[in-house]
Amino acid sequence: MRIQNKVAIVSGSGSGIGKETALRFAREGAKVLCMDIKGQEDTVRQIVSENGKAIAFEGDVTNSSDWKKAVQLVLEEYGTIDILANIAGVVSRGSDKLLEQTEEEWHHVIDIDLKGTFLGMKSVMPEMVKNKKGKIVNVASLAAHIGLTNLVAYSAAKGGVAAMTRQVAMEYAADNIQVNAVSPGIIQTPILGDTTPEMTEIFSAATPAGRLGKPEEIANLILFFASEEADFVTGQIWKVDGGWGSQ
């Protein structure tokens, strides 16, 4: 029970890494607000079925009003906010190559992956500053560290998440607020969409570990950053990529 009685907001908790993180937080003793545009109710039902504590909130991470409502709800229900896991994210719905990417789709990816992370931090920070404690864990990507094909908007967004994580960590370190990020490699989540078996094989072969990652392997590091074990860790962006980024 590494975060016993802590209160956490998890965005993107309807599926993938976000869902696995919300479940893991609850199993480790936290009270969780599950925020997403769909799937969050199912996550809460699973948590409650395991005797955990959670509430669902249907919210768009690009909407500052939704973030304010989420914060208000969690304060009304649980009285405080100890942890924010900024996990909601998307890849481009079409080609993400420079010459093929549209301005509309560029904004779609940047708004959810980068602006959503900014708004999440901005929304919870006043409560954390007041309490002189807090944990924020953002999700960047391997694409923030190395060049990958067909990911121009996604790479820009996740690179921004990494840079913003370092900046906010330095700004609020004296307030006893730790801000870190996890950079997943290729993980078996719905974000892979219609990836063919051939592409999955290519991704696996490109990973020194010889396989794709699992959502729970990302949740493990997010949990560490959210726990007291990481009280002296801030401004870090840690890769969980099966060794891909070290080649």
Protein backbone atom coordinates (compact mmCIF):
# COMPACT_ATOMS: atom_id res chain seq x y z
CA MET A 1 0.00 0.00 0.00
CA ARG A 2 2.56 2.53 -1.17
CA ILE A 3 0.12 5.43 -1.58
CA GLN A 4 -2.33 4.55 1.19
CA ASN A 5 -5.06 7.20 1.58
CA LYS A 6 -3.53 9.47 -1.05
CA VAL A 7 -5.89 11.21 -3.49
CA ALA A 8 -5.09 11.00 -7.18
CA ILE A 9 -6.45 12.30 -10.47
CA VAL A 10 -5.66 10.09 -13.46
CA SER A 11 -6.44 11.44 -16.93
CA GLY A 12 -6.87 9.02 -19.81
CA SER A 13 -8.03 6.39 -17.34
CA GLY A 14 -10.59 4.82 -19.66
CA SER A 15 -8.07 2.54 -21.36
CA GLY A 16 -4.43 1.60 -21.84
CA ILE A 17 -1.76 3.03 -19.55
CA GLY A 18 -4.22 5.38 -17.88
CA LYS A 19 -6.58 2.58 -16.90
CA GLU A 20 -3.77 0.37 -15.64
CA THR A 21 -2.39 3.28 -13.59
CA ALA A 22 -5.77 4.05 -12.03
CA LEU A 23 -6.21 0.40 -11.10
CA ARG A 24 -2.69 0.21 -9.68
CA PHE A 25 -3.16 3.39 -7.66
CA ALA A 26 -6.37 2.04 -6.14
CA ARG A 27 -4.76 -1.31 -5.34
CA GLU A 28 -1.98 0.60 -3.56
CA GLY A 29 -4.50 2.37 -1.33
CA ALA A 30 -5.25 5.63 -3.18
CA LYS A 31 -8.62 7.26 -3.77
CA VAL A 32 -8.82 7.92 -7.49
CA LEU A 33 -10.70 10.29 -9.75
CA CYS A 34 -10.79 8.63 -13.18
CA MET A 35 -11.00 11.27 -15.92
CA ASP A 36 -11.58 10.49 -19.61
CA ILE A 37 -14.07 11.05 -22.43
CA LYS A 38 -15.06 7.37 -22.41
CA GLY A 39 -14.30 4.19 -20.50
CA GLN A 40 -13.76 5.86 -17.14
CA GLU A 41 -16.98 4.41 -15.71
CA ASP A 42 -15.78 0.88 -16.48
CA THR A 43 -12.48 1.59 -14.76
CA VAL A 44 -14.28 2.83 -11.65
CA ARG A 45 -16.55 -0.23 -11.62
CA GLN A 46 -13.50 -2.48 -11.69
CA ILE A 47 -11.84 -0.54 -8.88
CA VAL A 48 -14.99 -0.69 -6.73
CA SER A 49 -15.39 -4.41 -7.45
CA GLU A 50 -11.93 -4.86 -5.90
CA ASN A 51 -13.01 -2.84 -2.84
CA GLY A 52 -11.10 0.23 -3.93
CA LYS A 53 -12.28 3.84 -3.85
CA ALA A 54 -12.83 5.80 -7.07
CA ILE A 55 -15.14 8.24 -8.83
CA ALA A 56 -15.59 8.81 -12.55
CA PHE A 57 -15.50 12.15 -14.35
CA GLU A 58 -16.23 12.60 -18.04
CA GLY A 59 -13.86 15.34 -19.08
CA ASP A 60 -11.90 16.68 -22.04
CA VAL A 61 -8.29 17.41 -21.07
CA THR A 62 -8.15 20.27 -23.61
CA ASN A 63 -10.94 22.11 -21.78
CA SER A 64 -9.88 24.20 -18.79
CA SER A 65 -13.46 24.23 -17.47
CA ASP A 66 -13.48 20.44 -17.36
CA TRP A 67 -10.25 20.45 -15.37
CA LYS A 68 -11.71 22.95 -12.91
CA LYS A 69 -14.78 20.74 -12.48
CA ALA A 70 -12.58 17.68 -11.94
CA VAL A 71 -10.58 19.45 -9.26
CA GLN A 72 -13.74 20.74 -7.59
CA LEU A 73 -15.26 17.25 -7.59
CA VAL A 74 -12.22 15.54 -6.11
CA LEU A 75 -11.94 18.20 -3.40
CA GLU A 76 -15.63 17.80 -2.54
CA GLU A 77 -15.34 14.02 -2.40
CA TYR A 78 -11.90 13.54 -0.84
CA GLY A 79 -10.79 16.93 0.51
CA THR A 80 -7.39 17.23 -1.16
CA ILE A 81 -5.22 16.33 -4.15
CA ASP A 82 -1.93 14.51 -3.63
CA ILE A 83 -1.18 13.09 -7.07
CA LEU A 84 -1.83 13.95 -10.71
CA ALA A 85 -1.06 11.40 -13.43
CA ASN A 86 -1.32 13.18 -16.79
CA ILE A 87 -1.77 10.22 -19.13
CA ALA A 88 -4.41 11.15 -21.74
CA GLY A 89 -2.84 11.19 -25.20
CA VAL A 90 -3.37 10.48 -28.88
CA VAL A 91 -1.43 9.92 -32.07
CA SER A 92 -2.39 11.48 -35.39
CA ARG A 93 -5.52 10.08 -37.02
CA GLY A 94 -3.80 10.24 -40.42
CA SER A 95 -0.27 10.58 -41.70
CA ASP A 96 2.01 12.44 -39.30
CA LYS A 97 4.73 13.18 -41.85
CA LEU A 98 5.71 16.82 -42.20
CA LEU A 99 4.54 17.26 -45.79
CA GLU A 100 1.34 15.27 -45.27
CA GLN A 101 0.23 16.47 -41.85
CA THR A 102 -2.69 18.91 -41.85
CA GLU A 103 -2.88 21.99 -39.67
CA GLU A 104 -6.14 20.73 -38.18
CA GLU A 105 -4.65 17.39 -37.18
CA TRP A 106 -1.49 19.09 -35.88
CA HIS A 107 -3.65 21.08 -33.46
CA HIS A 108 -5.61 17.95 -32.48
CA VAL A 109 -2.44 16.15 -31.35
CA ILE A 110 -0.80 19.19 -29.75
CA ASP A 111 -3.97 20.16 -27.90
CA ILE A 112 -4.52 16.76 -26.28
CA ASP A 113 -0.92 15.69 -25.68
CA LEU A 114 0.69 19.03 -24.75
CA LYS A 115 -2.05 21.51 -23.85
CA GLY A 116 -3.89 18.82 -21.88
CA THR A 117 -0.78 18.18 -19.80
CA PHE A 118 -0.31 21.92 -19.21
CA LEU A 119 -3.91 22.41 -18.11
CA GLY A 120 -3.76 19.41 -15.79
CA MET A 121 -0.71 20.74 -13.98
CA LYS A 122 -2.07 24.28 -13.85
CA SER A 123 -5.36 23.06 -12.38
CA VAL A 124 -3.95 20.99 -9.50
CA MET A 125 -0.95 23.14 -8.65
CA PRO A 126 -2.76 25.71 -6.42
CA GLU A 127 -3.94 22.95 -4.07
CA MET A 128 -0.49 21.35 -4.01
CA VAL A 129 1.24 24.67 -3.33
CA LYS A 130 -1.23 25.36 -0.50
CA ASN A 131 -0.49 21.95 1.00
CA LYS A 132 3.27 22.21 0.39
CA LYS A 133 3.32 18.74 -1.14
CA GLY A 134 2.36 16.95 -4.30
CA LYS A 135 3.33 14.52 -7.04
CA ILE A 136 2.80 15.11 -10.74
CA VAL A 137 3.65 12.42 -13.28
CA ASN A 138 3.42 13.27 -16.96
CA VAL A 139 3.67 10.87 -19.89
CA ALA A 140 6.09 11.81 -22.65
CA SER A 141 7.34 9.25 -25.19
CA LEU A 142 10.40 7.69 -26.72
CA ALA A 143 9.57 10.08 -29.59
CA ALA A 144 10.60 12.97 -27.31
CA HIS A 145 14.18 11.66 -27.27
CA ILE A 146 14.94 10.17 -30.67
CA GLY A 147 13.80 10.65 -34.25
CA LEU A 148 11.02 8.29 -35.34
CA THR A 149 9.30 8.31 -38.70
CA ASN A 150 5.75 9.59 -39.27
CA LEU A 151 5.47 11.34 -35.88
CA VAL A 152 6.08 15.06 -36.44
CA ALA A 153 3.14 16.39 -34.37
CA TYR A 154 3.39 13.63 -31.78
CA SER A 155 7.14 14.14 -31.36
CA ALA A 156 6.67 17.89 -31.00
CA ALA A 157 3.96 17.41 -28.37
CA LYS A 158 5.85 14.83 -26.34
CA GLY A 159 9.11 16.77 -26.60
CA GLY A 160 7.18 19.70 -25.15
CA VAL A 161 5.89 17.53 -22.32
CA ALA A 162 9.45 16.55 -21.42
CA ALA A 163 10.70 20.16 -21.49
CA MET A 164 7.68 21.43 -19.55
CA THR A 165 8.14 18.70 -16.93
CA ARG A 166 11.70 19.85 -16.22
CA GLN A 167 10.70 23.51 -16.07
CA VAL A 168 7.73 23.03 -13.71
CA ALA A 169 9.79 20.70 -11.52
CA MET A 170 12.41 23.39 -10.97
CA GLU A 171 9.82 26.09 -10.39
CA TYR A 172 8.00 24.18 -7.64
CA ALA A 173 10.73 22.05 -6.06
CA ALA A 174 10.93 24.39 -3.07
CA ASP A 175 7.21 23.79 -2.46
CA ASN A 176 7.92 20.07 -1.96
CA ILE A 177 6.18 19.20 -5.24
CA GLN A 178 7.89 16.59 -7.41
CA VAL A 179 7.22 16.64 -11.16
CA ASN A 180 8.54 13.81 -13.33
CA ALA A 181 7.72 12.13 -16.62
CA VAL A 182 7.75 8.64 -18.05
CA SER A 183 8.72 8.08 -21.69
CA PRO A 184 7.21 4.80 -22.92
CA GLY A 185 8.48 2.96 -25.95
CA ILE A 186 6.05 0.92 -28.02
CA ILE A 187 3.39 -0.35 -25.62
CA GLN A 188 0.49 -2.73 -26.20
CA THR A 189 -2.39 -0.25 -25.85
CA PRO A 190 -5.39 0.88 -27.94
CA ILE A 191 -3.30 3.84 -29.19
CA LEU A 192 -1.64 1.39 -31.60
CA GLY A 193 -5.02 1.16 -33.28
CA ASP A 194 -5.05 -1.01 -36.37
CA THR A 195 -1.39 -1.97 -36.24
CA THR A 196 -0.87 -5.04 -38.40
CA PRO A 197 0.92 -8.17 -37.17
CA GLU A 198 3.73 -7.27 -39.57
CA MET A 199 4.17 -3.83 -37.98
CA THR A 200 4.01 -5.34 -34.50
CA GLU A 201 6.80 -7.70 -35.52
CA ILE A 202 8.86 -4.76 -36.84
CA PHE A 203 8.37 -2.83 -33.59
CA SER A 204 9.31 -5.88 -31.53
CA ALA A 205 12.42 -6.51 -33.61
CA ALA A 206 13.50 -2.89 -33.21
CA THR A 207 13.28 -3.20 -29.42
CA PRO A 208 16.37 -4.80 -27.83
CA ALA A 209 14.09 -6.60 -25.36
CA GLY A 210 12.48 -8.29 -28.37
CA ARG A 211 8.87 -7.46 -27.48
CA LEU A 212 6.40 -4.65 -26.96
CA GLY A 213 5.91 -3.20 -23.50
CA LYS A 214 2.87 -3.79 -21.30
CA PRO A 215 0.73 -1.01 -19.77
CA GLU A 216 1.42 -2.32 -16.27
CA GLU A 217 5.16 -1.85 -16.84
CA ILE A 218 4.57 1.87 -17.37
CA ALA A 219 2.19 2.01 -14.41
CA ASN A 220 4.95 0.56 -12.22
CA LEU A 221 7.19 3.59 -12.78
CA ILE A 222 4.30 6.04 -12.52
CA LEU A 223 3.50 4.52 -9.13
CA PHE A 224 7.10 4.94 -8.00
CA PHE A 225 7.10 8.63 -8.99
CA ALA A 226 3.78 9.07 -7.15
CA SER A 227 5.05 7.46 -3.95
CA GLU A 228 7.14 8.76 -1.05
CA GLU A 229 10.01 6.65 -2.38
CA ALA A 230 10.52 9.40 -4.99
CA ASP A 231 10.49 12.36 -2.60
CA PHE A 232 13.99 13.42 -3.72
CA VAL A 233 13.38 12.76 -7.43
CA THR A 234 12.12 15.63 -9.57
CA GLY A 235 12.58 16.97 -13.08
CA GLN A 236 13.39 13.52 -14.45
CA ILE A 237 12.21 11.97 -17.71
CA TRP A 238 12.71 8.21 -17.53
CA LYS A 239 12.48 5.92 -20.54
CA VAL A 240 10.60 2.61 -20.29
CA ASP A 241 11.29 1.31 -23.76
CA GLY A 242 12.95 -2.11 -23.61
CA GLY A 243 16.29 -0.49 -24.47
CA TRP A 244 15.23 1.12 -27.77
CA GLY A 245 16.47 4.60 -26.81
CA SER A 246 19.91 3.29 -25.80
CA GLN A 247 20.83 1.89 -29.21
